[in-house]
C-alpha atoms as a PDB file:
ATOM      1  CA  UNK A   1       0.078  10.543  -8.467  1.00  0.00           C
ATOM      2  CA  UNK A   2      -3.022   9.956  -6.347  1.00  0.00           C
ATOM      3  CA  UNK A   3      -3.015   7.669  -3.332  1.00  0.00           C
ATOM      4  CA  UNK A   4      -6.166   5.534  -3.352  1.00  0.00           C
ATOM      5  CA  UNK A   5      -5.687   3.202  -0.374  1.00  0.00           C
ATOM      6  CA  UNK A   6      -3.304   2.506   2.506  1.00  0.00           C
ATOM      7  CA  UNK A   7      -3.080  -0.592   4.684  1.00  0.00           C
ATOM      8  CA  UNK A   8      -1.051  -1.002   7.881  1.00  0.00           C
ATOM      9  CA  UNK A   9      -0.229  -4.206   9.739  1.00  0.00           C
ATOM     10  CA  UNK A  10      -1.118  -2.611  13.085  1.00  0.00           C
ATOM     11  CA  UNK A  11       2.359  -2.926  14.556  1.00  0.00           C
ATOM     12  CA  UNK A  12       4.501  -0.090  15.886  1.00  0.00           C
ATOM     13  CA  UNK A  13       8.233   0.205  15.641  1.00  0.00           C
ATOM     14  CA  UNK A  14      10.752   0.256  12.868  1.00  0.00           C
ATOM     15  CA  UNK A  15      11.326  -3.497  12.863  1.00  0.00           C
ATOM     16  CA  UNK A  16       7.666  -4.573  12.965  1.00  0.00           C
ATOM     17  CA  UNK A  17       5.706  -1.993  10.976  1.00  0.00           C
ATOM     18  CA  UNK A  18       4.593  -2.760   7.416  1.00  0.00           C
ATOM     19  CA  UNK A  19       2.538  -0.621   5.030  1.00  0.00           C
ATOM     20  CA  UNK A  20       0.989  -1.234   1.613  1.00  0.00           C
ATOM     21  CA  UNK A  21      -0.108   1.656  -0.612  1.00  0.00           C
ATOM     22  CA  UNK A  22      -2.242   1.673  -3.765  1.00  0.00           C
ATOM     23  CA  UNK A  23      -1.710   4.649  -6.068  1.00  0.00           C
ATOM     24  CA  UNK A  24      -2.763   5.684  -9.550  1.00  0.00           C
ATOM     25  CA  UNK A  25      -1.421   8.097 -12.144  1.00  0.00           C
ATOM     26  CA  UNK A  26      -3.331   8.273 -15.393  1.00  0.00           C
ATOM     27  CA  UNK A  27      -3.813   4.672 -16.571  1.00  0.00           C
ATOM     28  CA  UNK A  28      -0.944   3.274 -14.499  1.00  0.00           C
ATOM     29  CA  UNK A  29      -1.457   1.694 -11.081  1.00  0.00           C
ATOM     30  CA  UNK A  30       1.268   1.383  -8.472  1.00  0.00           C
ATOM     31  CA  UNK A  31       1.633  -0.721  -5.344  1.00  0.00           C
ATOM     32  CA  UNK A  32       4.235   0.139  -2.724  1.00  0.00           C
ATOM     33  CA  UNK A  33       5.180  -2.396  -0.062  1.00  0.00           C
ATOM     34  CA  UNK A  34       7.113  -0.720   2.766  1.00  0.00           C
ATOM     35  CA  UNK A  35       8.753  -2.308   5.808  1.00  0.00           C
ATOM     36  CA  UNK A  36      10.051  -0.226   8.690  1.00  0.00           C
ATOM     37  CA  UNK A  37       7.849   2.878   8.719  1.00  0.00           C
ATOM     38  CA  UNK A  38       8.543   6.149   6.944  1.00  0.00           C
ATOM     39  CA  UNK A  39      12.307   5.537   6.934  1.00  0.00           C
ATOM     40  CA  UNK A  40      11.947   1.909   5.906  1.00  0.00           C
ATOM     41  CA  UNK A  41      12.673   0.020   2.718  1.00  0.00           C
ATOM     42  CA  UNK A  42      10.109   0.043  -0.103  1.00  0.00           C
ATOM     43  CA  UNK A  43       9.459  -2.197  -3.077  1.00  0.00           C
ATOM     44  CA  UNK A  44       7.416  -0.794  -5.965  1.00  0.00           C
ATOM     45  CA  UNK A  45       5.243  -2.606  -8.497  1.00  0.00           C
ATOM     46  CA  UNK A  46       3.617  -1.106 -11.608  1.00  0.00           C
ATOM     47  CA  UNK A  47       0.425  -2.362 -13.300  1.00  0.00           C
ATOM     48  CA  UNK A  48      -1.627  -1.516 -16.368  1.00  0.00           C
ATOM     49  CA  UNK A  49      -4.935  -1.938 -14.528  1.00  0.00           C
ATOM     50  CA  UNK A  50      -6.583  -1.648 -11.124  1.00  0.00           C
ATOM     51  CA  UNK A  51      -7.581  -5.322 -10.958  1.00  0.00           C
ATOM     52  CA  UNK A  52      -3.990  -6.535 -11.336  1.00  0.00           C
ATOM     53  CA  UNK A  53      -2.795  -4.054  -8.714  1.00  0.00           C
ATOM     54  CA  UNK A  54      -5.503  -5.160  -6.265  1.00  0.00           C
ATOM     55  CA  UNK A  55      -4.579  -8.810  -6.863  1.00  0.00           C
ATOM     56  CA  UNK A  56      -1.034  -7.947  -5.771  1.00  0.00           C
ATOM     57  CA  UNK A  57      -2.336  -6.096  -2.696  1.00  0.00           C
ATOM     58  CA  UNK A  58      -4.524  -9.051  -1.676  1.00  0.00           C
ATOM     59  CA  UNK A  59      -1.506 -11.335  -1.889  1.00  0.00           C
ATOM     60  CA  UNK A  60       0.554  -8.972   0.267  1.00  0.00           C
ATOM     61  CA  UNK A  61      -2.162  -8.721   2.925  1.00  0.00           C
ATOM     62  CA  UNK A  62      -2.555 -12.484   3.154  1.00  0.00           C
ATOM     63  CA  UNK A  63      -0.822 -13.842   6.251  1.00  0.00           C
ATOM     64  CA  UNK A  64      -0.698 -13.685  10.013  1.00  0.00           C
ATOM     65  CA  UNK A  65      -0.746  -9.878  10.412  1.00  0.00           C
ATOM     66  CA  UNK A  66      -4.011  -8.114  11.261  1.00  0.00           C
ATOM     67  CA  UNK A  67      -4.052  -5.590   8.443  1.00  0.00           C
ATOM     68  CA  UNK A  68      -6.274  -2.536   8.690  1.00  0.00           C
ATOM     69  CA  UNK A  69      -7.159  -0.049   6.019  1.00  0.00           C
ATOM     70  CA  UNK A  70      -6.358   3.527   6.922  1.00  0.00           C
ATOM     71  CA  UNK A  71      -8.519   6.309   5.567  1.00  0.00           C
ATOM     72  CA  UNK A  72      -7.202   8.391   2.706  1.00  0.00           C
ATOM     73  CA  UNK A  73      -8.178  12.029   2.374  1.00  0.00           C
ATOM     74  CA  UNK A  74     -10.047  12.863  -0.818  1.00  0.00           C
ATOM     75  CA  UNK A  75      -8.034  14.951  -3.283  1.00  0.00           C
ATOM     76  CA  UNK A  76      -8.297  18.737  -2.851  1.00  0.00           C
ATOM     77  CA  UNK A  77     -10.546  20.417  -5.346  1.00  0.00           C
END
């Protein structure tokens, strides 16, 4: 599975931090919504196409938080 994008709400701490990840494996796209940092609780969503997955991401990023996209390293070759 390849991680394509990662967004963070800019807040530190287990109670405040939120992350959204966009991943792909073959033709399947996955969105992970995580609250609480690396040890937090995640919800996963699966999509047949990139557009549907990005629609879900846009909905998750809509709100009062100041989301920022974090860089993702290109896959090793």
